[in-house]
Amino acid sequence: MILDEFIEIANLLEIYSSLLSEKQKEYLEDHFENDLSLSEIAKNNNVSRQAIYDNIKRGVALLYDYESKLRFYQMKKNIRKELINLKENYTKEKLEQVIENLL
């Protein structure tokens, strides 16, 4: 898994974690936020590595499914991009435009 994908999943998890089952949330947080390996998570939970892999795979698929429907992460990225642009090229008109876009 490349770093950009890892970061994207961590961001999706931050937004949509409450929509996952408790175990999926726990396994994904352990893997993507606490940087535990599948084997470490399996050992900590007394389950097989394959069970962890399957749960993480399903959880990641759910995160992407939620994002494709709700688009909160994309909105967050767009807002950040607009604010960075505003910071670099501030004018009152641009500020008003950003505010208008958020409404």
PDB file of N, CA and C in Angstrom:
ATOM      1  N   MET A   1       0.852  -1.173   0.000  1.00  0.00           N
ATOM      2  CA  MET A   1       0.000   0.000   0.000  1.00  0.00           C
ATOM      3  C   MET A   1       0.898   1.236   0.000  1.00  0.00           C
ATOM      4  N   ILE A   2       0.614   2.157  -0.897  1.00  0.00           N
ATOM      5  CA  ILE A   2       1.428   3.365  -0.976  1.00  0.00           C
ATOM      6  C   ILE A   2       0.997   4.368   0.091  1.00  0.00           C
ATOM      7  N   LEU A   3       1.885   5.293   0.406  1.00  0.00           N
ATOM      8  CA  LEU A   3       1.667   6.242   1.491  1.00  0.00           C
ATOM      9  C   LEU A   3       0.417   7.086   1.275  1.00  0.00           C
ATOM     10  N   ASP A   4       0.184   7.549   0.051  1.00  0.00           N
ATOM     11  CA  ASP A   4      -0.990   8.383  -0.223  1.00  0.00           C
ATOM     12  C   ASP A   4      -2.287   7.633   0.082  1.00  0.00           C
ATOM     13  N   GLU A   5      -2.324   6.361  -0.288  1.00  0.00           N
ATOM     14  CA  GLU A   5      -3.514   5.545  -0.016  1.00  0.00           C
ATOM     15  C   GLU A   5      -3.681   5.338   1.490  1.00  0.00           C
ATOM     16  N   PHE A   6      -2.587   5.108   2.172  1.00  0.00           N
ATOM     17  CA  PHE A   6      -2.605   4.929   3.624  1.00  0.00           C
ATOM     18  C   PHE A   6      -3.155   6.181   4.309  1.00  0.00           C
ATOM     19  N   ILE A   7      -2.695   7.357   3.879  1.00  0.00           N
ATOM     20  CA  ILE A   7      -3.153   8.625   4.439  1.00  0.00           C
ATOM     21  C   ILE A   7      -4.630   8.851   4.124  1.00  0.00           C
ATOM     22  N   GLU A   8      -5.024   8.525   2.910  1.00  0.00           N
ATOM     23  CA  GLU A   8      -6.425   8.685   2.523  1.00  0.00           C
ATOM     24  C   GLU A   8      -7.335   7.812   3.382  1.00  0.00           C
ATOM     25  N   ILE A   9      -6.949   6.573   3.607  1.00  0.00           N
ATOM     26  CA  ILE A   9      -7.747   5.679   4.439  1.00  0.00           C
ATOM     27  C   ILE A   9      -7.819   6.200   5.869  1.00  0.00           C
ATOM     28  N   ALA A  10      -6.716   6.712   6.390  1.00  0.00           N
ATOM     29  CA  ALA A  10      -6.717   7.281   7.735  1.00  0.00           C
ATOM     30  C   ALA A  10      -7.675   8.469   7.825  1.00  0.00           C
ATOM     31  N   ASN A  11      -7.706   9.301   6.794  1.00  0.00           N
ATOM     32  CA  ASN A  11      -8.638  10.433   6.765  1.00  0.00           C
ATOM     33  C   ASN A  11     -10.086   9.962   6.660  1.00  0.00           C
ATOM     34  N   LEU A  12     -10.344   8.977   5.833  1.00  0.00           N
ATOM     35  CA  LEU A  12     -11.698   8.423   5.726  1.00  0.00           C
ATOM     36  C   LEU A  12     -12.131   7.816   7.053  1.00  0.00           C
ATOM     37  N   LEU A  13     -11.211   7.163   7.716  1.00  0.00           N
ATOM     38  CA  LEU A  13     -11.505   6.551   9.018  1.00  0.00           C
ATOM     39  C   LEU A  13     -11.875   7.626  10.040  1.00  0.00           C
ATOM     40  N   GLU A  14     -11.169   8.735  10.002  1.00  0.00           N
ATOM     41  CA  GLU A  14     -11.469   9.840  10.914  1.00  0.00           C
ATOM     42  C   GLU A  14     -12.904  10.332  10.718  1.00  0.00           C
ATOM     43  N   ILE A  15     -13.346  10.388   9.482  1.00  0.00           N
ATOM     44  CA  ILE A  15     -14.671  10.918   9.165  1.00  0.00           C
ATOM     45  C   ILE A  15     -15.775   9.883   9.394  1.00  0.00           C
ATOM     46  N   TYR A  16     -15.558   8.648   8.946  1.00  0.00           N
ATOM     47  CA  TYR A  16     -16.635   7.663   8.899  1.00  0.00           C
ATOM     48  C   TYR A  16     -16.536   6.537   9.927  1.00  0.00           C
ATOM     49  N   SER A  17     -15.607   6.611  10.858  1.00  0.00           N
ATOM     50  CA  SER A  17     -15.397   5.487  11.784  1.00  0.00           C
ATOM     51  C   SER A  17     -16.643   5.122  12.582  1.00  0.00           C
ATOM     52  N   SER A  18     -17.470   6.099  12.891  1.00  0.00           N
ATOM     53  CA  SER A  18     -18.666   5.803  13.690  1.00  0.00           C
ATOM     54  C   SER A  18     -19.694   4.975  12.920  1.00  0.00           C
ATOM     55  N   LEU A  19     -19.515   4.839  11.609  1.00  0.00           N
ATOM     56  CA  LEU A  19     -20.432   4.042  10.800  1.00  0.00           C
ATOM     57  C   LEU A  19     -19.993   2.575  10.689  1.00  0.00           C
ATOM     58  N   LEU A  20     -18.820   2.263  11.209  1.00  0.00           N
ATOM     59  CA  LEU A  20     -18.294   0.897  11.153  1.00  0.00           C
ATOM     60  C   LEU A  20     -18.703   0.119  12.404  1.00  0.00           C
ATOM     61  N   SER A  21     -18.588  -1.204  12.326  1.00  0.00           N
ATOM     62  CA  SER A  21     -18.794  -2.013  13.523  1.00  0.00           C
ATOM     63  C   SER A  21     -17.652  -1.736  14.493  1.00  0.00           C
ATOM     64  N   GLU A  22     -17.850  -2.036  15.747  1.00  0.00           N
ATOM     65  CA  GLU A  22     -16.814  -1.783  16.757  1.00  0.00           C
ATOM     66  C   GLU A  22     -15.513  -2.507  16.417  1.00  0.00           C
ATOM     67  N   LYS A  23     -15.606  -3.753  15.981  1.00  0.00           N
ATOM     68  CA  LYS A  23     -14.395  -4.521  15.651  1.00  0.00           C
ATOM     69  C   LYS A  23     -13.695  -3.955  14.430  1.00  0.00           C
ATOM     70  N   GLN A  24     -14.455  -3.619  13.396  1.00  0.00           N
ATOM     71  CA  GLN A  24     -13.834  -3.031  12.210  1.00  0.00           C
ATOM     72  C   GLN A  24     -13.129  -1.731  12.580  1.00  0.00           C
ATOM     73  N   LYS A  25     -13.802  -0.917  13.361  1.00  0.00           N
ATOM     74  CA  LYS A  25     -13.218   0.348  13.798  1.00  0.00           C
ATOM     75  C   LYS A  25     -11.932   0.107  14.582  1.00  0.00           C
ATOM     76  N   GLU A  26     -11.977  -0.831  15.513  1.00  0.00           N
ATOM     77  CA  GLU A  26     -10.806  -1.155  16.333  1.00  0.00           C
ATOM     78  C   GLU A  26      -9.651  -1.655  15.470  1.00  0.00           C
ATOM     79  N   TYR A  27      -9.930  -2.582  14.563  1.00  0.00           N
ATOM     80  CA  TYR A  27      -8.876  -3.153  13.719  1.00  0.00           C
ATOM     81  C   TYR A  27      -8.278  -2.093  12.789  1.00  0.00           C
ATOM     82  N   LEU A  28      -9.137  -1.268  12.190  1.00  0.00           N
ATOM     83  CA  LEU A  28      -8.648  -0.230  11.284  1.00  0.00           C
ATOM     84  C   LEU A  28      -7.822   0.809  12.037  1.00  0.00           C
ATOM     85  N   GLU A  29      -8.276   1.204  13.210  1.00  0.00           N
ATOM     86  CA  GLU A  29      -7.500   2.166  14.006  1.00  0.00           C
ATOM     87  C   GLU A  29      -6.153   1.574  14.412  1.00  0.00           C
ATOM     88  N   ASP A  30      -6.164   0.311  14.831  1.00  0.00           N
ATOM     89  CA  ASP A  30      -4.896  -0.329  15.194  1.00  0.00           C
ATOM     90  C   ASP A  30      -3.937  -0.361  14.014  1.00  0.00           C
ATOM     91  N   HIS A  31      -4.461  -0.664  12.848  1.00  0.00           N
ATOM     92  CA  HIS A  31      -3.598  -0.808  11.673  1.00  0.00           C
ATOM     93  C   HIS A  31      -3.163   0.542  11.098  1.00  0.00           C
ATOM     94  N   PHE A  32      -4.105   1.462  10.905  1.00  0.00           N
ATOM     95  CA  PHE A  32      -3.798   2.713  10.206  1.00  0.00           C
ATOM     96  C   PHE A  32      -3.376   3.854  11.121  1.00  0.00           C
ATOM     97  N   GLU A  33      -3.812   3.846  12.371  1.00  0.00           N
ATOM     98  CA  GLU A  33      -3.434   4.934  13.270  1.00  0.00           C
ATOM     99  C   GLU A  33      -2.336   4.516  14.247  1.00  0.00           C
ATOM    100  N   ASN A  34      -2.411   3.279  14.730  1.00  0.00           N
ATOM    101  CA  ASN A  34      -1.424   2.812  15.710  1.00  0.00           C
ATOM    102  C   ASN A  34      -0.279   2.042  15.065  1.00  0.00           C
ATOM    103  N   ASP A  35      -0.356   1.865  13.740  1.00  0.00           N
ATOM    104  CA  ASP A  35       0.705   1.241  12.954  1.00  0.00           C
ATOM    105  C   ASP A  35       1.046  -0.180  13.415  1.00  0.00           C
ATOM    106  N   LEU A  36       0.017  -0.939  13.809  1.00  0.00           N
ATOM    107  CA  LEU A  36       0.231  -2.336  14.178  1.00  0.00           C
ATOM    108  C   LEU A  36       0.114  -3.216  12.943  1.00  0.00           C
ATOM    109  N   SER A  37       0.884  -4.282  12.911  1.00  0.00           N
ATOM    110  CA  SER A  37       0.794  -5.230  11.806  1.00  0.00           C
ATOM    111  C   SER A  37      -0.453  -6.092  11.985  1.00  0.00           C
ATOM    112  N   LEU A  38      -0.831  -6.782  10.925  1.00  0.00           N
ATOM    113  CA  LEU A  38      -1.979  -7.692  11.015  1.00  0.00           C
ATOM    114  C   LEU A  38      -1.738  -8.766  12.061  1.00  0.00           C
ATOM    115  N   SER A  39      -0.518  -9.265  12.123  1.00  0.00           N
ATOM    116  CA  SER A  39      -0.173 -10.298  13.107  1.00  0.00           C
ATOM    117  C   SER A  39      -0.293  -9.780  14.537  1.00  0.00           C
ATOM    118  N   GLU A  40       0.152  -8.542  14.763  1.00  0.00           N
ATOM    119  CA  GLU A  40       0.051  -7.960  16.102  1.00  0.00           C
ATOM    120  C   GLU A  40      -1.412  -7.768  16.513  1.00  0.00           C
ATOM    121  N   ILE A  41      -2.224  -7.305  15.585  1.00  0.00           N
ATOM    122  CA  ILE A  41      -3.648  -7.115  15.876  1.00  0.00           C
ATOM    123  C   ILE A  41      -4.308  -8.459  16.156  1.00  0.00           C
ATOM    124  N   ALA A  42      -3.962  -9.470  15.356  1.00  0.00           N
ATOM    125  CA  ALA A  42      -4.529 -10.808  15.556  1.00  0.00           C
ATOM    126  C   ALA A  42      -4.158 -11.352  16.925  1.00  0.00           C
ATOM    127  N   LYS A  43      -2.914 -11.197  17.292  1.00  0.00           N
ATOM    128  CA  LYS A  43      -2.448 -11.688  18.589  1.00  0.00           C
ATOM    129  C   LYS A  43      -3.167 -10.969  19.735  1.00  0.00           C
ATOM    130  N   ASN A  44      -3.319  -9.650  19.623  1.00  0.00           N
ATOM    131  CA  ASN A  44      -3.979  -8.862  20.669  1.00  0.00           C
ATOM    132  C   ASN A  44      -5.456  -9.212  20.830  1.00  0.00           C
ATOM    133  N   ASN A  45      -6.062  -9.734  19.764  1.00  0.00           N
ATOM    134  CA  ASN A  45      -7.496 -10.021  19.786  1.00  0.00           C
ATOM    135  C   ASN A  45      -7.814 -11.514  19.779  1.00  0.00           C
ATOM    136  N   ASN A  46      -6.781 -12.345  19.850  1.00  0.00           N
ATOM    137  CA  ASN A  46      -6.954 -13.801  19.865  1.00  0.00           C
ATOM    138  C   ASN A  46      -7.782 -14.321  18.690  1.00  0.00           C
ATOM    139  N   VAL A  47      -7.484 -13.784  17.513  1.00  0.00           N
ATOM    140  CA  VAL A  47      -8.117 -14.257  16.281  1.00  0.00           C
ATOM    141  C   VAL A  47      -7.025 -14.486  15.248  1.00  0.00           C
ATOM    142  N   SER A  48      -7.409 -15.066  14.131  1.00  0.00           N
ATOM    143  CA  SER A  48      -6.408 -15.346  13.095  1.00  0.00           C
ATOM    144  C   SER A  48      -6.041 -14.074  12.333  1.00  0.00           C
ATOM    145  N   ARG A  49      -4.870 -14.113  11.760  1.00  0.00           N
ATOM    146  CA  ARG A  49      -4.410 -13.011  10.923  1.00  0.00           C
ATOM    147  C   ARG A  49      -5.357 -12.835   9.736  1.00  0.00           C
ATOM    148  N   GLN A  50      -5.859 -13.949   9.205  1.00  0.00           N
ATOM    149  CA  GLN A  50      -6.788 -13.896   8.071  1.00  0.00           C
ATOM    150  C   GLN A  50      -8.084 -13.180   8.453  1.00  0.00           C
ATOM    151  N   ALA A  51      -8.565 -13.396   9.670  1.00  0.00           N
ATOM    152  CA  ALA A  51      -9.783 -12.711  10.134  1.00  0.00           C
ATOM    153  C   ALA A  51      -9.554 -11.203  10.193  1.00  0.00           C
ATOM    154  N   ILE A  52      -8.382 -10.808  10.654  1.00  0.00           N
ATOM    155  CA  ILE A  52      -8.046  -9.378  10.708  1.00  0.00           C
ATOM    156  C   ILE A  52      -7.977  -8.812   9.298  1.00  0.00           C
ATOM    157  N   TYR A  53      -7.288  -9.517   8.415  1.00  0.00           N
ATOM    158  CA  TYR A  53      -7.157  -9.075   7.028  1.00  0.00           C
ATOM    159  C   TYR A  53      -8.535  -8.894   6.394  1.00  0.00           C
ATOM    160  N   ASP A  54      -9.416  -9.890   6.571  1.00  0.00           N
ATOM    161  CA  ASP A  54     -10.759  -9.825   5.983  1.00  0.00           C
ATOM    162  C   ASP A  54     -11.559  -8.652   6.537  1.00  0.00           C
ATOM    163  N   ASN A  55     -11.485  -8.442   7.851  1.00  0.00           N
ATOM    164  CA  ASN A  55     -12.215  -7.339   8.474  1.00  0.00           C
ATOM    165  C   ASN A  55     -11.686  -5.991   8.010  1.00  0.00           C
ATOM    166  N   ILE A  56     -10.375  -5.862   7.908  1.00  0.00           N
ATOM    167  CA  ILE A  56      -9.796  -4.598   7.444  1.00  0.00           C
ATOM    168  C   ILE A  56     -10.172  -4.355   5.988  1.00  0.00           C
ATOM    169  N   LYS A  57     -10.109  -5.390   5.174  1.00  0.00           N
ATOM    170  CA  LYS A  57     -10.461  -5.247   3.764  1.00  0.00           C
ATOM    171  C   LYS A  57     -11.919  -4.810   3.609  1.00  0.00           C
ATOM    172  N   ARG A  58     -12.831  -5.438   4.359  1.00  0.00           N
ATOM    173  CA  ARG A  58     -14.244  -5.050   4.314  1.00  0.00           C
ATOM    174  C   ARG A  58     -14.435  -3.628   4.851  1.00  0.00           C
ATOM    175  N   GLY A  59     -13.724  -3.306   5.921  1.00  0.00           N
ATOM    176  CA  GLY A  59     -13.830  -1.967   6.504  1.00  0.00           C
ATOM    177  C   GLY A  59     -13.372  -0.885   5.547  1.00  0.00           C
ATOM    178  N   VAL A  60     -12.254  -1.118   4.878  1.00  0.00           N
ATOM    179  CA  VAL A  60     -11.745  -0.145   3.905  1.00  0.00           C
ATOM    180  C   VAL A  60     -12.741   0.006   2.752  1.00  0.00           C
ATOM    181  N   ALA A  61     -13.313  -1.096   2.292  1.00  0.00           N
ATOM    182  CA  ALA A  61     -14.310  -1.032   1.220  1.00  0.00           C
ATOM    183  C   ALA A  61     -15.523  -0.211   1.669  1.00  0.00           C
ATOM    184  N   LEU A  62     -15.935  -0.379   2.914  1.00  0.00           N
ATOM    185  CA  LEU A  62     -17.050   0.410   3.444  1.00  0.00           C
ATOM    186  C   LEU A  62     -16.703   1.890   3.499  1.00  0.00           C
ATOM    187  N   LEU A  63     -15.479   2.221   3.937  1.00  0.00           N
ATOM    188  CA  LEU A  63     -15.067   3.621   3.994  1.00  0.00           C
ATOM    189  C   LEU A  63     -15.144   4.271   2.609  1.00  0.00           C
ATOM    190  N   TYR A  64     -14.651   3.569   1.600  1.00  0.00           N
ATOM    191  CA  TYR A  64     -14.707   4.105   0.243  1.00  0.00           C
ATOM    192  C   TYR A  64     -16.146   4.192  -0.261  1.00  0.00           C
ATOM    193  N   ASP A  65     -16.982   3.244   0.133  1.00  0.00           N
ATOM    194  CA  ASP A  65     -18.390   3.269  -0.252  1.00  0.00           C
ATOM    195  C   ASP A  65     -19.089   4.470   0.381  1.00  0.00           C
ATOM    196  N   TYR A  66     -18.845   4.709   1.663  1.00  0.00           N
ATOM    197  CA  TYR A  66     -19.428   5.876   2.326  1.00  0.00           C
ATOM    198  C   TYR A  66     -18.966   7.163   1.655  1.00  0.00           C
ATOM    199  N   GLU A  67     -17.691   7.237   1.322  1.00  0.00           N
ATOM    200  CA  GLU A  67     -17.162   8.441   0.684  1.00  0.00           C
ATOM    201  C   GLU A  67     -17.783   8.642  -0.698  1.00  0.00           C
ATOM    202  N   SER A  68     -17.982   7.572  -1.441  1.00  0.00           N
ATOM    203  CA  SER A  68     -18.565   7.720  -2.779  1.00  0.00           C
ATOM    204  C   SER A  68     -19.998   8.234  -2.695  1.00  0.00           C
ATOM    205  N   LYS A  69     -20.672   7.952  -1.596  1.00  0.00           N
ATOM    206  CA  LYS A  69     -22.058   8.399  -1.433  1.00  0.00           C
ATOM    207  C   LYS A  69     -22.163   9.759  -0.750  1.00  0.00           C
ATOM    208  N   LEU A  70     -21.337   9.991   0.268  1.00  0.00           N
ATOM    209  CA  LEU A  70     -21.477  11.196   1.091  1.00  0.00           C
ATOM    210  C   LEU A  70     -20.518  12.316   0.712  1.00  0.00           C
ATOM    211  N   ARG A  71     -19.330  11.976   0.244  1.00  0.00           N
ATOM    212  CA  ARG A  71     -18.330  12.911  -0.267  1.00  0.00           C
ATOM    213  C   ARG A  71     -17.817  13.934   0.755  1.00  0.00           C
ATOM    214  N   PHE A  72     -17.839  13.591   2.042  1.00  0.00           N
ATOM    215  CA  PHE A  72     -17.351  14.505   3.075  1.00  0.00           C
ATOM    216  C   PHE A  72     -15.844  14.739   2.963  1.00  0.00           C
ATOM    217  N   TYR A  73     -15.095  13.702   2.657  1.00  0.00           N
ATOM    218  CA  TYR A  73     -13.646  13.861   2.533  1.00  0.00           C
ATOM    219  C   TYR A  73     -13.312  14.765   1.350  1.00  0.00           C
ATOM    220  N   GLN A  74     -14.013  14.604   0.246  1.00  0.00           N
ATOM    221  CA  GLN A  74     -13.779  15.455  -0.919  1.00  0.00           C
ATOM    222  C   GLN A  74     -14.118  16.901  -0.593  1.00  0.00           C
ATOM    223  N   MET A  75     -15.205  17.125   0.136  1.00  0.00           N
ATOM    224  CA  MET A  75     -15.551  18.487   0.540  1.00  0.00           C
ATOM    225  C   MET A  75     -14.462  19.082   1.428  1.00  0.00           C
ATOM    226  N   LYS A  76     -13.948  18.281   2.349  1.00  0.00           N
ATOM    227  CA  LYS A  76     -12.878  18.734   3.241  1.00  0.00           C
ATOM    228  C   LYS A  76     -11.636  19.125   2.431  1.00  0.00           C
ATOM    229  N   LYS A  77     -11.275  18.306   1.449  1.00  0.00           N
ATOM    230  CA  LYS A  77     -10.117  18.619   0.603  1.00  0.00           C
ATOM    231  C   LYS A  77     -10.350  19.901  -0.194  1.00  0.00           C
ATOM    232  N   ASN A  78     -11.560  20.078  -0.713  1.00  0.00           N
ATOM    233  CA  ASN A  78     -11.873  21.281  -1.491  1.00  0.00           C
ATOM    234  C   ASN A  78     -11.802  22.536  -0.623  1.00  0.00           C
ATOM    235  N   ILE A  79     -12.340  22.455   0.582  1.00  0.00           N
ATOM    236  CA  ILE A  79     -12.296  23.598   1.502  1.00  0.00           C
ATOM    237  C   ILE A  79     -10.851  23.939   1.838  1.00  0.00           C
ATOM    238  N   ARG A  80     -10.055  22.909   2.113  1.00  0.00           N
ATOM    239  CA  ARG A  80      -8.643  23.146   2.432  1.00  0.00           C
ATOM    240  C   ARG A  80      -7.920  23.819   1.274  1.00  0.00           C
ATOM    241  N   LYS A  81      -8.187  23.353   0.065  1.00  0.00           N
ATOM    242  CA  LYS A  81      -7.566  23.933  -1.130  1.00  0.00           C
ATOM    243  C   LYS A  81      -7.962  25.403  -1.290  1.00  0.00           C
ATOM    244  N   GLU A  82      -9.245  25.706  -1.086  1.00  0.00           N
ATOM    245  CA  GLU A  82      -9.707  27.090  -1.191  1.00  0.00           C
ATOM    246  C   GLU A  82      -9.069  27.972  -0.124  1.00  0.00           C
ATOM    247  N   LEU A  83      -8.939  27.457   1.093  1.00  0.00           N
ATOM    248  CA  LEU A  83      -8.344  28.249   2.169  1.00  0.00           C
ATOM    249  C   LEU A  83      -6.854  28.497   1.937  1.00  0.00           C
ATOM    250  N   ILE A  84      -6.156  27.501   1.418  1.00  0.00           N
ATOM    251  CA  ILE A  84      -4.741  27.695   1.091  1.00  0.00           C
ATOM    252  C   ILE A  84      -4.602  28.749  -0.004  1.00  0.00           C
ATOM    253  N   ASN A  85      -5.451  28.678  -1.008  1.00  0.00           N
ATOM    254  CA  ASN A  85      -5.432  29.666  -2.077  1.00  0.00           C
ATOM    255  C   ASN A  85      -5.746  31.060  -1.526  1.00  0.00           C
ATOM    256  N   LEU A  86      -6.702  31.126  -0.623  1.00  0.00           N
ATOM    257  CA  LEU A  86      -7.054  32.400  -0.007  1.00  0.00           C
ATOM    258  C   LEU A  86      -5.885  32.950   0.810  1.00  0.00           C
ATOM    259  N   LYS A  87      -5.214  32.094   1.530  1.00  0.00           N
ATOM    260  CA  LYS A  87      -4.063  32.515   2.342  1.00  0.00           C
ATOM    261  C   LYS A  87      -2.950  33.089   1.461  1.00  0.00           C
ATOM    262  N   GLU A  88      -2.733  32.462   0.319  1.00  0.00           N
ATOM    263  CA  GLU A  88      -1.662  32.892  -0.573  1.00  0.00           C
ATOM    264  C   GLU A  88      -2.020  34.139  -1.373  1.00  0.00           C
ATOM    265  N   ASN A  89      -3.295  34.323  -1.666  1.00  0.00           N
ATOM    266  CA  ASN A  89      -3.743  35.432  -2.519  1.00  0.00           C
ATOM    267  C   ASN A  89      -4.970  36.099  -1.913  1.00  0.00           C
ATOM    268  N   TYR A  90      -4.812  36.615  -0.709  1.00  0.00           N
ATOM    269  CA  TYR A  90      -5.971  37.157  -0.012  1.00  0.00           C
ATOM    270  C   TYR A  90      -6.485  38.451  -0.631  1.00  0.00           C
ATOM    271  N   THR A  91      -7.790  38.442  -0.852  1.00  0.00           N
ATOM    272  CA  THR A  91      -8.532  39.665  -1.137  1.00  0.00           C
ATOM    273  C   THR A  91      -9.881  39.509  -0.445  1.00  0.00           C
ATOM    274  N   LYS A  92     -10.495  40.601  -0.168  1.00  0.00           N
ATOM    275  CA  LYS A  92     -11.805  40.551   0.478  1.00  0.00           C
ATOM    276  C   LYS A  92     -12.813  39.833  -0.422  1.00  0.00           C
ATOM    277  N   GLU A  93     -12.700  40.037  -1.714  1.00  0.00           N
ATOM    278  CA  GLU A  93     -13.613  39.390  -2.661  1.00  0.00           C
ATOM    279  C   GLU A  93     -13.451  37.866  -2.636  1.00  0.00           C
ATOM    280  N   LYS A  94     -12.203  37.419  -2.565  1.00  0.00           N
ATOM    281  CA  LYS A  94     -11.963  35.970  -2.502  1.00  0.00           C
ATOM    282  C   LYS A  94     -12.500  35.388  -1.208  1.00  0.00           C
ATOM    283  N   LEU A  95     -12.341  36.111  -0.110  1.00  0.00           N
ATOM    284  CA  LEU A  95     -12.888  35.662   1.168  1.00  0.00           C
ATOM    285  C   LEU A  95     -14.405  35.531   1.074  1.00  0.00           C
ATOM    286  N   GLU A  96     -15.046  36.506   0.511  1.00  0.00           N
ATOM    287  CA  GLU A  96     -16.502  36.458   0.342  1.00  0.00           C
ATOM    288  C   GLU A  96     -16.912  35.295  -0.553  1.00  0.00           C
ATOM    289  N   GLN A  97     -16.128  35.032  -1.566  1.00  0.00           N
ATOM    290  CA  GLN A  97     -16.426  33.915  -2.464  1.00  0.00           C
ATOM    291  C   GLN A  97     -16.305  32.575  -1.734  1.00  0.00           C
ATOM    292  N   VAL A  98     -15.272  32.421  -0.908  1.00  0.00           N
ATOM    293  CA  VAL A  98     -15.096  31.186  -0.134  1.00  0.00           C
ATOM    294  C   VAL A  98     -16.271  31.011   0.815  1.00  0.00           C
ATOM    295  N   ILE A  99     -16.655  32.079   1.494  1.00  0.00           N
ATOM    296  CA  ILE A  99     -17.800  32.006   2.417  1.00  0.00           C
ATOM    297  C   ILE A  99     -19.059  31.617   1.659  1.00  0.00           C
ATOM    298  N   GLU A 100     -19.270  32.208   0.516  1.00  0.00           N
ATOM    299  CA  GLU A 100     -20.450  31.903  -0.300  1.00  0.00           C
ATOM    300  C   GLU A 100     -20.451  30.430  -0.731  1.00  0.00           C
ATOM    301  N   ASN A 101     -19.284  29.923  -1.101  1.00  0.00           N
ATOM    302  CA  ASN A 101     -19.179  28.520  -1.522  1.00  0.00           C
ATOM    303  C   ASN A 101     -19.476  27.548  -0.389  1.00  0.00           C
ATOM    304  N   LEU A 102     -19.218  27.966   0.842  1.00  0.00           N
ATOM    305  CA  LEU A 102     -19.458  27.092   1.987  1.00  0.00           C
ATOM    306  C   LEU A 102     -20.931  27.037   2.369  1.00  0.00           C
ATOM    307  N   LEU A 103     -21.698  28.008   1.951  1.00  0.00           N
ATOM    308  CA  LEU A 103     -23.122  28.043   2.302  1.00  0.00           C
ATOM    309  C   LEU A 103     -23.983  27.254   1.406  1.00  0.00           C
TER     310      LEU A 103
END
